[in-house]
Amino acid sequence: MVTQIIKSAVLSGLILILPAVMYAQDIKPIKLLKPQTESGKPLMQALKERRSQREFNSQELPLQVMSDMLWAAFGINRPDSGERTAPTAMHMYEIDIYVAKAEGLYLYNAKENMLMPVLAGDIRGLTGKQPFVQDAPVNLIYVADLSKMSKVPPANIDFYAAADTGFISENVYLYCASMGLATVVRGYIDVSALAKAMKLRPDQKIILAQTVGYPKK
C-alpha cells in the first residue's frame, strides 16, 4: 500500500510533501514560554554585532530561545491593545511567520504564544537554495496574507509586504546579535516549490526566509 502511495506521489509531483501527508498527526502544538525581556546584550551592543552568517551548528534551539526570538520578531508587546514588536501598515498584521524545523512546519500564533502545527516532515531543504538551510535547526518563512491587504492599492501590495517583512526580520537579526546566535535573511528560494510544500492558498505569498541557529565552530 505504501509503495503504491509513493509511486502515485512521484507521478503527481508531490513526493516532496509526502511525509507531511502521511505523518501530519505526529506533531502537536508547542506552547511557547513567556519571553524573558531582561536577557541579552544592550541594544547598542547588538547593533554593533549585527551581521549575516551562513554557517550553522545543527544544535536545536531551546524552547526559551525560540520563544524569545519569535516574540522579538513579531510578538505582542502591548497586551491591552494587541500591538506588536514590529510596525505594520494600517494595522494589517499581514505577515505570518512559519517555522520550519526538522520534525515539521509550524505557524507562529502571537496571540496564543504558540507554534501551531501545519504539517509534519522536514521541508527545511525547500526553504532556500543554499546548502546550509537543510541542517540549520530553524528556518523562518515570512508569508504575506494578501486577504488582509484589501485597503492597499494593488500597485503597492508588494512594497508594504516587503517593508513589514523587513521590520520583522531585522528584529530577528538584533535578537540573534544580542544572544550570540547566527542568522541570515534570504530571498534565494524556489517560491513555487516551497509554497506547494507548505500548501499555501493562492492569496498567500512568500516574501523572504531567514535561517537561525548557533554559529558553527
N, C-alpha and C. Protein backbone atom coordinates (compact mmCIF):
# COMPACT_ATOMS: atom_id res chain seq x y z
N MET A 1 0.83 -1.20 0.00
CA MET A 1 0.00 0.00 0.00
C MET A 1 0.87 1.26 0.00
N VAL A 2 1.90 1.28 0.88
CA VAL A 2 2.80 2.43 0.94
C VAL A 2 3.52 2.63 -0.38
N THR A 3 3.94 1.49 -1.02
CA THR A 3 4.62 1.57 -2.30
C THR A 3 3.74 2.21 -3.35
N GLN A 4 2.46 1.83 -3.36
CA GLN A 4 1.53 2.42 -4.32
C GLN A 4 1.36 3.91 -4.10
N ILE A 5 1.31 4.34 -2.81
CA ILE A 5 1.18 5.76 -2.49
C ILE A 5 2.39 6.53 -2.98
N ILE A 6 3.57 5.97 -2.76
CA ILE A 6 4.80 6.65 -3.17
C ILE A 6 4.86 6.78 -4.68
N LYS A 7 4.50 5.70 -5.40
CA LYS A 7 4.50 5.77 -6.86
C LYS A 7 3.53 6.83 -7.35
N SER A 8 2.37 6.88 -6.76
CA SER A 8 1.37 7.87 -7.14
C SER A 8 1.87 9.28 -6.89
N ALA A 9 2.55 9.46 -5.74
CA ALA A 9 3.08 10.79 -5.39
C ALA A 9 4.14 11.23 -6.37
N VAL A 10 5.01 10.29 -6.79
CA VAL A 10 6.06 10.63 -7.75
C VAL A 10 5.44 11.09 -9.06
N LEU A 11 4.44 10.35 -9.52
CA LEU A 11 3.80 10.68 -10.78
C LEU A 11 3.11 12.04 -10.75
N SER A 12 2.60 12.41 -9.59
CA SER A 12 1.87 13.68 -9.50
C SER A 12 2.74 14.84 -9.05
N GLY A 13 4.04 14.58 -8.85
CA GLY A 13 4.95 15.65 -8.46
C GLY A 13 4.85 16.05 -7.02
N LEU A 14 4.29 15.17 -6.18
CA LEU A 14 4.07 15.53 -4.78
C LEU A 14 5.02 14.81 -3.84
N ILE A 15 6.06 14.21 -4.34
CA ILE A 15 6.93 13.40 -3.48
C ILE A 15 7.56 14.23 -2.38
N LEU A 16 7.79 15.54 -2.64
CA LEU A 16 8.43 16.37 -1.62
C LEU A 16 7.54 16.60 -0.41
N ILE A 17 6.22 16.52 -0.58
CA ILE A 17 5.35 16.79 0.56
C ILE A 17 4.71 15.52 1.09
N LEU A 18 5.12 14.35 0.56
CA LEU A 18 4.54 13.10 1.01
C LEU A 18 4.68 12.87 2.50
N PRO A 19 5.86 13.12 3.13
CA PRO A 19 5.96 12.90 4.58
C PRO A 19 4.92 13.69 5.35
N ALA A 20 4.64 14.90 4.90
CA ALA A 20 3.65 15.71 5.60
C ALA A 20 2.26 15.11 5.48
N VAL A 21 1.94 14.57 4.29
CA VAL A 21 0.63 13.97 4.09
C VAL A 21 0.46 12.74 4.95
N MET A 22 1.51 11.93 5.05
CA MET A 22 1.42 10.65 5.74
C MET A 22 1.50 10.78 7.25
N TYR A 23 2.24 11.76 7.73
CA TYR A 23 2.53 11.80 9.16
C TYR A 23 2.11 13.10 9.83
N ALA A 24 1.13 13.79 9.28
CA ALA A 24 0.72 15.08 9.82
C ALA A 24 0.25 14.97 11.26
N GLN A 25 -0.21 13.77 11.66
CA GLN A 25 -0.72 13.62 13.01
C GLN A 25 0.40 13.52 14.05
N ASP A 26 1.64 13.48 13.60
CA ASP A 26 2.75 13.22 14.52
C ASP A 26 3.24 14.46 15.26
N ILE A 27 2.89 15.64 14.82
CA ILE A 27 3.36 16.83 15.53
C ILE A 27 2.18 17.52 16.20
N LYS A 28 2.47 18.13 17.32
CA LYS A 28 1.43 18.77 18.13
C LYS A 28 1.77 20.24 18.35
N PRO A 29 0.80 21.04 18.78
CA PRO A 29 1.11 22.44 19.09
C PRO A 29 2.19 22.54 20.16
N ILE A 30 2.99 23.58 20.06
CA ILE A 30 4.04 23.83 21.05
C ILE A 30 3.69 25.11 21.79
N LYS A 31 3.48 24.99 23.09
CA LYS A 31 3.21 26.17 23.91
C LYS A 31 4.53 26.85 24.21
N LEU A 32 4.67 28.08 23.73
CA LEU A 32 5.90 28.83 23.94
C LEU A 32 5.94 29.40 25.36
N LEU A 33 7.14 29.73 25.81
CA LEU A 33 7.33 30.25 27.16
C LEU A 33 7.19 31.78 27.17
N LYS A 34 6.93 32.30 28.33
CA LYS A 34 6.87 33.75 28.49
C LYS A 34 8.22 34.35 28.13
N PRO A 35 8.25 35.39 27.29
CA PRO A 35 9.54 35.95 26.89
C PRO A 35 10.31 36.55 28.04
N GLN A 36 11.60 36.33 28.04
CA GLN A 36 12.50 36.90 29.06
C GLN A 36 13.03 38.23 28.51
N THR A 37 12.34 39.29 28.81
CA THR A 37 12.66 40.59 28.21
C THR A 37 13.87 41.27 28.85
N GLU A 38 14.40 40.70 29.91
CA GLU A 38 15.57 41.31 30.56
C GLU A 38 16.86 40.64 30.12
N SER A 39 16.81 39.67 29.23
CA SER A 39 18.00 38.93 28.84
C SER A 39 18.68 39.59 27.64
N GLY A 40 19.91 39.15 27.36
CA GLY A 40 20.61 39.60 26.17
C GLY A 40 21.42 40.87 26.37
N LYS A 41 22.16 41.22 25.31
CA LYS A 41 23.02 42.39 25.33
C LYS A 41 22.21 43.65 25.08
N PRO A 42 22.71 44.82 25.52
CA PRO A 42 22.02 46.09 25.26
C PRO A 42 21.87 46.35 23.76
N LEU A 43 20.90 47.18 23.41
CA LEU A 43 20.59 47.45 22.00
C LEU A 43 21.79 47.94 21.23
N MET A 44 22.53 48.90 21.76
CA MET A 44 23.65 49.45 21.01
C MET A 44 24.73 48.40 20.76
N GLN A 45 24.92 47.51 21.71
CA GLN A 45 25.89 46.43 21.53
C GLN A 45 25.39 45.46 20.45
N ALA A 46 24.09 45.16 20.48
CA ALA A 46 23.51 44.27 19.47
C ALA A 46 23.64 44.88 18.08
N LEU A 47 23.40 46.18 17.96
CA LEU A 47 23.56 46.84 16.66
C LEU A 47 25.01 46.75 16.18
N LYS A 48 25.93 46.89 17.09
CA LYS A 48 27.35 46.80 16.74
C LYS A 48 27.71 45.40 16.22
N GLU A 49 27.08 44.38 16.77
CA GLU A 49 27.43 43.00 16.44
C GLU A 49 26.51 42.37 15.40
N ARG A 50 25.50 43.09 14.94
CA ARG A 50 24.57 42.52 13.96
C ARG A 50 25.28 42.23 12.64
N ARG A 51 25.09 41.00 12.13
CA ARG A 51 25.68 40.62 10.85
C ARG A 51 25.00 39.36 10.33
N SER A 52 25.22 39.07 9.05
CA SER A 52 24.71 37.84 8.45
C SER A 52 25.76 36.74 8.55
N GLN A 53 25.31 35.55 8.88
CA GLN A 53 26.21 34.39 8.95
C GLN A 53 25.56 33.23 8.19
N ARG A 54 26.37 32.45 7.53
CA ARG A 54 25.86 31.36 6.69
C ARG A 54 26.42 30.00 7.06
N GLU A 55 26.95 29.89 8.25
CA GLU A 55 27.42 28.59 8.75
C GLU A 55 26.77 28.36 10.11
N PHE A 56 26.10 27.22 10.24
CA PHE A 56 25.28 26.97 11.41
C PHE A 56 25.59 25.62 12.04
N ASN A 57 25.51 25.59 13.35
CA ASN A 57 25.52 24.35 14.11
C ASN A 57 24.13 23.74 14.02
N SER A 58 24.03 22.43 13.97
CA SER A 58 22.72 21.78 13.87
C SER A 58 22.02 21.65 15.22
N GLN A 59 22.66 22.12 16.28
CA GLN A 59 22.07 22.03 17.63
C GLN A 59 20.69 22.68 17.69
N GLU A 60 19.74 22.00 18.29
CA GLU A 60 18.39 22.51 18.44
C GLU A 60 18.36 23.75 19.32
N LEU A 61 17.49 24.69 19.01
CA LEU A 61 17.32 25.87 19.86
C LEU A 61 16.43 25.52 21.05
N PRO A 62 16.84 25.87 22.27
CA PRO A 62 15.97 25.63 23.43
C PRO A 62 14.65 26.35 23.28
N LEU A 63 13.63 25.83 23.95
CA LEU A 63 12.30 26.42 23.84
C LEU A 63 12.29 27.88 24.28
N GLN A 64 13.04 28.22 25.32
CA GLN A 64 13.06 29.62 25.76
C GLN A 64 13.65 30.54 24.69
N VAL A 65 14.69 30.08 24.04
CA VAL A 65 15.31 30.87 22.98
C VAL A 65 14.33 31.04 21.81
N MET A 66 13.67 29.95 21.44
CA MET A 66 12.68 30.03 20.38
C MET A 66 11.55 30.99 20.75
N SER A 67 11.10 30.90 21.98
CA SER A 67 10.02 31.77 22.46
C SER A 67 10.43 33.23 22.41
N ASP A 68 11.61 33.52 22.92
CA ASP A 68 12.09 34.90 22.95
C ASP A 68 12.32 35.45 21.55
N MET A 69 12.87 34.63 20.66
CA MET A 69 13.15 35.08 19.30
C MET A 69 11.86 35.43 18.56
N LEU A 70 10.85 34.59 18.67
CA LEU A 70 9.60 34.86 17.96
C LEU A 70 8.87 36.06 18.56
N TRP A 71 8.95 36.21 19.86
CA TRP A 71 8.36 37.40 20.48
C TRP A 71 9.08 38.65 19.99
N ALA A 72 10.42 38.61 19.95
CA ALA A 72 11.18 39.75 19.44
C ALA A 72 10.81 40.03 17.99
N ALA A 73 10.59 38.99 17.21
CA ALA A 73 10.28 39.16 15.79
C ALA A 73 8.96 39.88 15.58
N PHE A 74 7.90 39.36 16.19
CA PHE A 74 6.57 39.93 15.91
C PHE A 74 5.57 39.54 17.00
N GLY A 75 6.08 39.52 18.24
CA GLY A 75 5.21 39.18 19.35
C GLY A 75 4.42 40.37 19.84
N ILE A 76 3.52 40.11 20.76
CA ILE A 76 2.67 41.17 21.33
C ILE A 76 3.41 41.81 22.50
N ASN A 77 3.71 43.10 22.37
CA ASN A 77 4.41 43.81 23.45
C ASN A 77 3.49 44.77 24.21
N ARG A 78 2.25 44.91 23.75
CA ARG A 78 1.25 45.72 24.44
C ARG A 78 -0.05 44.91 24.54
N PRO A 79 -0.15 44.07 25.57
CA PRO A 79 -1.29 43.16 25.67
C PRO A 79 -2.65 43.85 25.64
N ASP A 80 -2.73 45.05 26.17
CA ASP A 80 -4.02 45.74 26.21
C ASP A 80 -4.58 46.02 24.82
N SER A 81 -3.69 46.31 23.88
CA SER A 81 -4.12 46.64 22.52
C SER A 81 -3.83 45.53 21.52
N GLY A 82 -2.96 44.57 21.91
CA GLY A 82 -2.58 43.50 20.99
C GLY A 82 -1.54 43.92 19.97
N GLU A 83 -0.94 45.09 20.16
CA GLU A 83 0.05 45.55 19.19
C GLU A 83 1.39 44.85 19.40
N ARG A 84 2.21 44.94 18.37
CA ARG A 84 3.36 44.04 18.24
C ARG A 84 4.71 44.75 18.37
N THR A 85 5.76 43.93 18.36
CA THR A 85 7.13 44.44 18.46
C THR A 85 7.63 45.03 17.16
N ALA A 86 6.94 44.79 16.05
CA ALA A 86 7.31 45.38 14.75
C ALA A 86 6.12 46.15 14.20
N PRO A 87 6.37 47.27 13.53
CA PRO A 87 5.26 48.04 12.96
C PRO A 87 4.63 47.33 11.78
N THR A 88 3.39 47.68 11.51
CA THR A 88 2.69 47.14 10.35
C THR A 88 1.76 48.23 9.80
N ALA A 89 1.76 48.42 8.51
CA ALA A 89 0.96 49.47 7.89
C ALA A 89 -0.53 49.23 8.12
N MET A 90 -1.23 50.27 8.53
CA MET A 90 -2.68 50.23 8.70
C MET A 90 -3.17 49.09 9.60
N HIS A 91 -2.32 48.67 10.52
CA HIS A 91 -2.66 47.58 11.44
C HIS A 91 -3.15 46.33 10.69
N MET A 92 -2.51 46.04 9.57
CA MET A 92 -2.94 44.88 8.78
C MET A 92 -2.46 43.56 9.38
N TYR A 93 -1.27 43.56 9.99
CA TYR A 93 -0.69 42.33 10.53
C TYR A 93 -0.75 41.22 9.48
N GLU A 94 -0.33 41.56 8.28
CA GLU A 94 -0.50 40.62 7.17
C GLU A 94 0.63 39.61 7.04
N ILE A 95 1.71 39.78 7.80
CA ILE A 95 2.84 38.86 7.69
C ILE A 95 2.71 37.74 8.72
N ASP A 96 2.68 36.52 8.23
CA ASP A 96 2.69 35.34 9.10
C ASP A 96 4.09 34.74 9.10
N ILE A 97 4.49 34.26 10.28
CA ILE A 97 5.80 33.62 10.41
C ILE A 97 5.61 32.12 10.51
N TYR A 98 6.09 31.40 9.51
CA TYR A 98 6.11 29.94 9.54
C TYR A 98 7.48 29.50 10.01
N VAL A 99 7.51 28.45 10.79
CA VAL A 99 8.75 27.96 11.40
C VAL A 99 9.00 26.54 10.92
N ALA A 100 10.04 26.36 10.10
CA ALA A 100 10.40 25.04 9.59
C ALA A 100 11.48 24.44 10.48
N LYS A 101 11.13 23.31 11.11
CA LYS A 101 12.06 22.57 11.96
C LYS A 101 12.20 21.16 11.41
N ALA A 102 13.09 20.38 11.99
CA ALA A 102 13.34 19.04 11.47
C ALA A 102 12.09 18.17 11.47
N GLU A 103 11.25 18.32 12.50
CA GLU A 103 10.09 17.45 12.62
C GLU A 103 8.87 17.94 11.85
N GLY A 104 8.87 19.21 11.45
CA GLY A 104 7.70 19.69 10.73
C GLY A 104 7.66 21.20 10.62
N LEU A 105 6.54 21.67 10.09
CA LEU A 105 6.31 23.09 9.85
C LEU A 105 5.24 23.60 10.81
N TYR A 106 5.50 24.76 11.41
CA TYR A 106 4.57 25.36 12.37
C TYR A 106 4.26 26.80 11.94
N LEU A 107 3.16 27.31 12.48
CA LEU A 107 2.78 28.71 12.29
C LEU A 107 2.79 29.40 13.64
N TYR A 108 3.49 30.52 13.72
CA TYR A 108 3.57 31.26 14.98
C TYR A 108 2.26 32.00 15.23
N ASN A 109 1.65 31.71 16.38
CA ASN A 109 0.43 32.38 16.81
C ASN A 109 0.80 33.30 17.96
N ALA A 110 0.92 34.60 17.66
CA ALA A 110 1.38 35.56 18.68
C ALA A 110 0.34 35.73 19.78
N LYS A 111 -0.93 35.71 19.43
CA LYS A 111 -1.97 35.93 20.44
C LYS A 111 -1.98 34.83 21.49
N GLU A 112 -1.80 33.59 21.05
CA GLU A 112 -1.80 32.45 21.98
C GLU A 112 -0.40 32.10 22.46
N ASN A 113 0.62 32.74 21.89
CA ASN A 113 2.01 32.45 22.20
C ASN A 113 2.29 30.95 22.01
N MET A 114 1.97 30.48 20.81
CA MET A 114 2.11 29.07 20.49
C MET A 114 2.63 28.89 19.07
N LEU A 115 3.20 27.70 18.82
CA LEU A 115 3.51 27.26 17.47
C LEU A 115 2.43 26.24 17.09
N MET A 116 1.67 26.56 16.08
CA MET A 116 0.59 25.70 15.64
C MET A 116 1.07 24.79 14.51
N PRO A 117 0.84 23.48 14.61
CA PRO A 117 1.32 22.57 13.56
C PRO A 117 0.63 22.80 12.23
N VAL A 118 1.41 22.80 11.18
CA VAL A 118 0.89 22.94 9.82
C VAL A 118 1.01 21.61 9.09
N LEU A 119 2.22 21.05 9.10
CA LEU A 119 2.43 19.74 8.51
C LEU A 119 3.69 19.12 9.08
N ALA A 120 3.69 17.80 9.13
CA ALA A 120 4.85 17.06 9.60
C ALA A 120 5.78 16.77 8.43
N GLY A 121 7.03 16.47 8.74
CA GLY A 121 8.01 16.22 7.71
C GLY A 121 8.98 17.38 7.59
N ASP A 122 10.17 17.08 7.16
CA ASP A 122 11.25 18.07 7.11
C ASP A 122 11.27 18.76 5.75
N ILE A 123 10.85 20.02 5.71
CA ILE A 123 10.90 20.78 4.44
C ILE A 123 11.97 21.87 4.48
N ARG A 124 12.89 21.79 5.46
CA ARG A 124 13.90 22.83 5.57
C ARG A 124 14.69 23.01 4.28
N GLY A 125 14.96 21.91 3.58
CA GLY A 125 15.72 22.00 2.35
C GLY A 125 15.03 22.78 1.24
N LEU A 126 13.72 22.94 1.36
CA LEU A 126 12.97 23.70 0.36
C LEU A 126 12.90 25.19 0.68
N THR A 127 13.38 25.58 1.86
CA THR A 127 13.26 26.99 2.25
C THR A 127 14.33 27.88 1.62
N GLY A 128 15.23 27.30 0.86
CA GLY A 128 16.26 28.08 0.19
C GLY A 128 17.14 27.19 -0.64
N LYS A 129 17.89 27.80 -1.55
CA LYS A 129 18.74 27.03 -2.45
C LYS A 129 20.16 26.86 -1.93
N GLN A 130 20.48 27.48 -0.79
CA GLN A 130 21.80 27.31 -0.21
C GLN A 130 21.84 26.01 0.60
N PRO A 131 22.97 25.31 0.59
CA PRO A 131 23.04 24.00 1.28
C PRO A 131 22.85 24.07 2.78
N PHE A 132 23.18 25.20 3.42
CA PHE A 132 23.11 25.25 4.88
C PHE A 132 21.69 25.22 5.42
N VAL A 133 20.69 25.53 4.59
CA VAL A 133 19.32 25.60 5.12
C VAL A 133 18.81 24.24 5.57
N GLN A 134 19.32 23.17 4.96
CA GLN A 134 18.83 21.83 5.27
C GLN A 134 19.17 21.40 6.70
N ASP A 135 20.32 21.82 7.21
CA ASP A 135 20.79 21.32 8.51
C ASP A 135 20.65 22.32 9.64
N ALA A 136 20.42 23.59 9.34
CA ALA A 136 20.20 24.57 10.41
C ALA A 136 18.92 24.22 11.16
N PRO A 137 18.88 24.45 12.48
CA PRO A 137 17.73 23.99 13.26
C PRO A 137 16.42 24.68 12.93
N VAL A 138 16.47 25.95 12.49
CA VAL A 138 15.24 26.71 12.26
C VAL A 138 15.36 27.55 10.99
N ASN A 139 14.33 27.47 10.17
CA ASN A 139 14.19 28.40 9.04
C ASN A 139 12.83 29.07 9.17
N LEU A 140 12.85 30.39 9.29
CA LEU A 140 11.62 31.16 9.34
C LEU A 140 11.21 31.52 7.92
N ILE A 141 9.91 31.42 7.63
CA ILE A 141 9.39 31.76 6.31
C ILE A 141 8.35 32.85 6.51
N TYR A 142 8.58 33.99 5.90
CA TYR A 142 7.67 35.13 6.03
C TYR A 142 6.68 35.13 4.88
N VAL A 143 5.42 35.00 5.22
CA VAL A 143 4.36 34.85 4.21
C VAL A 143 3.35 35.98 4.38
N ALA A 144 3.07 36.70 3.30
CA ALA A 144 2.07 37.76 3.32
C ALA A 144 0.70 37.17 3.03
N ASP A 145 -0.26 37.48 3.89
CA ASP A 145 -1.65 37.08 3.68
C ASP A 145 -2.33 38.23 2.94
N LEU A 146 -2.46 38.07 1.64
CA LEU A 146 -2.98 39.15 0.80
C LEU A 146 -4.45 39.45 1.08
N SER A 147 -5.15 38.51 1.70
CA SER A 147 -6.55 38.75 2.03
C SER A 147 -6.71 39.84 3.08
N LYS A 148 -5.63 40.14 3.81
CA LYS A 148 -5.67 41.19 4.83
C LYS A 148 -5.26 42.55 4.27
N MET A 149 -4.98 42.62 2.96
CA MET A 149 -4.43 43.84 2.38
C MET A 149 -5.41 44.49 1.41
N SER A 150 -6.69 44.36 1.66
CA SER A 150 -7.70 44.89 0.75
C SER A 150 -7.68 46.41 0.66
N LYS A 151 -7.18 47.09 1.69
CA LYS A 151 -7.13 48.55 1.69
C LYS A 151 -5.93 49.10 0.92
N VAL A 152 -5.04 48.23 0.52
CA VAL A 152 -3.82 48.66 -0.16
C VAL A 152 -4.03 48.64 -1.67
N PRO A 153 -3.70 49.72 -2.39
CA PRO A 153 -3.77 49.69 -3.85
C PRO A 153 -2.92 48.53 -4.39
N PRO A 154 -3.40 47.82 -5.39
CA PRO A 154 -2.66 46.66 -5.92
C PRO A 154 -1.20 46.96 -6.25
N ALA A 155 -0.94 48.16 -6.75
CA ALA A 155 0.44 48.50 -7.13
C ALA A 155 1.37 48.61 -5.92
N ASN A 156 0.80 48.76 -4.72
CA ASN A 156 1.62 48.95 -3.52
C ASN A 156 1.69 47.72 -2.62
N ILE A 157 1.01 46.65 -2.98
CA ILE A 157 0.94 45.48 -2.11
C ILE A 157 2.33 44.90 -1.84
N ASP A 158 3.11 44.71 -2.89
CA ASP A 158 4.45 44.13 -2.70
C ASP A 158 5.32 45.02 -1.83
N PHE A 159 5.20 46.34 -2.01
CA PHE A 159 6.00 47.27 -1.22
C PHE A 159 5.68 47.14 0.27
N TYR A 160 4.39 47.16 0.62
CA TYR A 160 4.01 47.08 2.03
C TYR A 160 4.41 45.73 2.63
N ALA A 161 4.19 44.66 1.89
CA ALA A 161 4.53 43.33 2.40
C ALA A 161 6.03 43.21 2.63
N ALA A 162 6.82 43.75 1.70
CA ALA A 162 8.28 43.68 1.84
C ALA A 162 8.76 44.55 3.00
N ALA A 163 8.18 45.74 3.14
CA ALA A 163 8.58 46.63 4.23
C ALA A 163 8.28 46.00 5.59
N ASP A 164 7.09 45.46 5.75
CA ASP A 164 6.72 44.86 7.03
C ASP A 164 7.57 43.63 7.33
N THR A 165 7.90 42.86 6.30
CA THR A 165 8.81 41.72 6.50
C THR A 165 10.19 42.20 6.92
N GLY A 166 10.64 43.31 6.34
CA GLY A 166 11.94 43.86 6.72
C GLY A 166 12.01 44.24 8.19
N PHE A 167 10.92 44.83 8.71
CA PHE A 167 10.90 45.19 10.14
C PHE A 167 11.05 43.93 11.00
N ILE A 168 10.31 42.89 10.65
CA ILE A 168 10.32 41.66 11.45
C ILE A 168 11.68 40.98 11.38
N SER A 169 12.21 40.85 10.18
CA SER A 169 13.48 40.14 10.03
C SER A 169 14.62 40.89 10.71
N GLU A 170 14.56 42.22 10.74
CA GLU A 170 15.60 42.97 11.45
C GLU A 170 15.49 42.75 12.96
N ASN A 171 14.27 42.63 13.48
CA ASN A 171 14.12 42.29 14.90
C ASN A 171 14.80 40.96 15.21
N VAL A 172 14.66 40.00 14.30
CA VAL A 172 15.32 38.71 14.49
C VAL A 172 16.83 38.87 14.46
N TYR A 173 17.33 39.69 13.54
CA TYR A 173 18.77 39.96 13.49
C TYR A 173 19.27 40.52 14.83
N LEU A 174 18.55 41.48 15.36
CA LEU A 174 19.00 42.11 16.59
C LEU A 174 18.91 41.16 17.77
N TYR A 175 17.87 40.34 17.80
CA TYR A 175 17.79 39.34 18.88
C TYR A 175 18.96 38.38 18.78
N CYS A 176 19.25 37.91 17.58
CA CYS A 176 20.35 36.95 17.42
C CYS A 176 21.69 37.57 17.80
N ALA A 177 21.92 38.83 17.42
CA ALA A 177 23.15 39.51 17.81
C ALA A 177 23.24 39.65 19.32
N SER A 178 22.10 39.91 19.94
CA SER A 178 22.07 40.08 21.39
C SER A 178 22.36 38.78 22.14
N MET A 179 21.99 37.64 21.53
CA MET A 179 22.08 36.35 22.22
C MET A 179 23.18 35.44 21.68
N GLY A 180 23.99 35.94 20.76
CA GLY A 180 25.08 35.14 20.22
C GLY A 180 24.66 34.07 19.23
N LEU A 181 23.52 34.26 18.58
CA LEU A 181 23.05 33.33 17.56
C LEU A 181 23.47 33.80 16.18
N ALA A 182 23.45 32.88 15.23
CA ALA A 182 23.74 33.20 13.83
C ALA A 182 22.43 33.29 13.05
N THR A 183 22.38 34.19 12.09
CA THR A 183 21.18 34.31 11.25
C THR A 183 21.54 34.95 9.92
N VAL A 184 20.70 34.69 8.92
CA VAL A 184 20.80 35.36 7.63
C VAL A 184 19.41 35.36 7.00
N VAL A 185 19.02 36.50 6.46
CA VAL A 185 17.75 36.59 5.75
C VAL A 185 18.01 36.28 4.28
N ARG A 186 17.05 35.60 3.62
CA ARG A 186 17.33 35.06 2.30
C ARG A 186 16.15 35.25 1.34
N GLY A 187 16.48 35.48 0.09
CA GLY A 187 15.46 35.55 -0.95
C GLY A 187 15.69 34.54 -2.06
N TYR A 188 16.77 33.75 -1.95
CA TYR A 188 17.13 32.78 -2.99
C TYR A 188 16.34 31.50 -2.74
N ILE A 189 15.10 31.49 -3.19
CA ILE A 189 14.13 30.45 -2.86
C ILE A 189 13.40 30.03 -4.13
N ASP A 190 13.13 28.74 -4.27
CA ASP A 190 12.20 28.28 -5.29
C ASP A 190 10.80 28.46 -4.69
N VAL A 191 10.23 29.62 -4.91
CA VAL A 191 8.99 30.01 -4.24
C VAL A 191 7.85 29.06 -4.59
N SER A 192 7.76 28.65 -5.84
CA SER A 192 6.66 27.77 -6.25
C SER A 192 6.72 26.44 -5.53
N ALA A 193 7.91 25.85 -5.47
CA ALA A 193 8.06 24.56 -4.81
C ALA A 193 7.78 24.66 -3.31
N LEU A 194 8.27 25.73 -2.69
CA LEU A 194 8.06 25.89 -1.25
C LEU A 194 6.59 26.14 -0.95
N ALA A 195 5.94 27.00 -1.72
CA ALA A 195 4.52 27.28 -1.49
C ALA A 195 3.68 26.01 -1.65
N LYS A 196 4.04 25.18 -2.60
CA LYS A 196 3.33 23.92 -2.81
C LYS A 196 3.51 22.99 -1.62
N ALA A 197 4.75 22.89 -1.13
CA ALA A 197 5.02 22.03 0.02
C ALA A 197 4.30 22.52 1.27
N MET A 198 4.20 23.85 1.41
CA MET A 198 3.53 24.44 2.58
C MET A 198 2.01 24.43 2.44
N LYS A 199 1.52 24.10 1.27
CA LYS A 199 0.08 24.09 0.97
C LYS A 199 -0.54 25.47 1.17
N LEU A 200 0.15 26.48 0.68
CA LEU A 200 -0.35 27.84 0.82
C LEU A 200 -1.53 28.08 -0.12
N ARG A 201 -2.39 29.00 0.28
CA ARG A 201 -3.51 29.40 -0.55
C ARG A 201 -3.03 30.33 -1.67
N PRO A 202 -3.82 30.52 -2.72
CA PRO A 202 -3.42 31.44 -3.78
C PRO A 202 -3.23 32.88 -3.29
N ASP A 203 -3.93 33.26 -2.20
CA ASP A 203 -3.80 34.62 -1.69
C ASP A 203 -2.74 34.73 -0.59
N GLN A 204 -1.83 33.78 -0.55
CA GLN A 204 -0.67 33.85 0.35
C GLN A 204 0.59 33.92 -0.51
N LYS A 205 1.53 34.77 -0.12
CA LYS A 205 2.73 34.98 -0.91
C LYS A 205 3.97 34.94 -0.04
N ILE A 206 4.92 34.10 -0.40
CA ILE A 206 6.20 34.03 0.31
C ILE A 206 7.02 35.27 -0.03
N ILE A 207 7.51 35.95 1.01
CA ILE A 207 8.31 37.17 0.80
C ILE A 207 9.80 36.87 0.97
N LEU A 208 10.18 36.35 2.11
CA LEU A 208 11.58 36.03 2.41
C LEU A 208 11.63 34.85 3.37
N ALA A 209 12.82 34.32 3.55
CA ALA A 209 13.07 33.31 4.58
C ALA A 209 14.27 33.76 5.39
N GLN A 210 14.42 33.20 6.58
CA GLN A 210 15.52 33.57 7.46
C GLN A 210 15.96 32.36 8.27
N THR A 211 17.22 32.04 8.18
CA THR A 211 17.78 30.90 8.91
C THR A 211 18.32 31.38 10.25
N VAL A 212 18.08 30.56 11.29
CA VAL A 212 18.54 30.89 12.65
C VAL A 212 19.12 29.65 13.30
N GLY A 213 20.24 29.82 13.99
CA GLY A 213 20.84 28.72 14.74
C GLY A 213 22.06 29.20 15.49
N TYR A 214 22.74 28.27 16.12
CA TYR A 214 24.01 28.61 16.76
C TYR A 214 25.10 28.65 15.71
N PRO A 215 26.06 29.56 15.84
CA PRO A 215 27.13 29.63 14.83
C PRO A 215 27.97 28.37 14.84
N LYS A 216 28.42 27.98 13.66
CA LYS A 216 29.27 26.79 13.54
C LYS A 216 30.66 27.13 14.03
N LYS A 217 31.22 26.24 14.84
CA LYS A 217 32.54 26.49 15.40
C LYS A 217 33.56 25.56 14.77
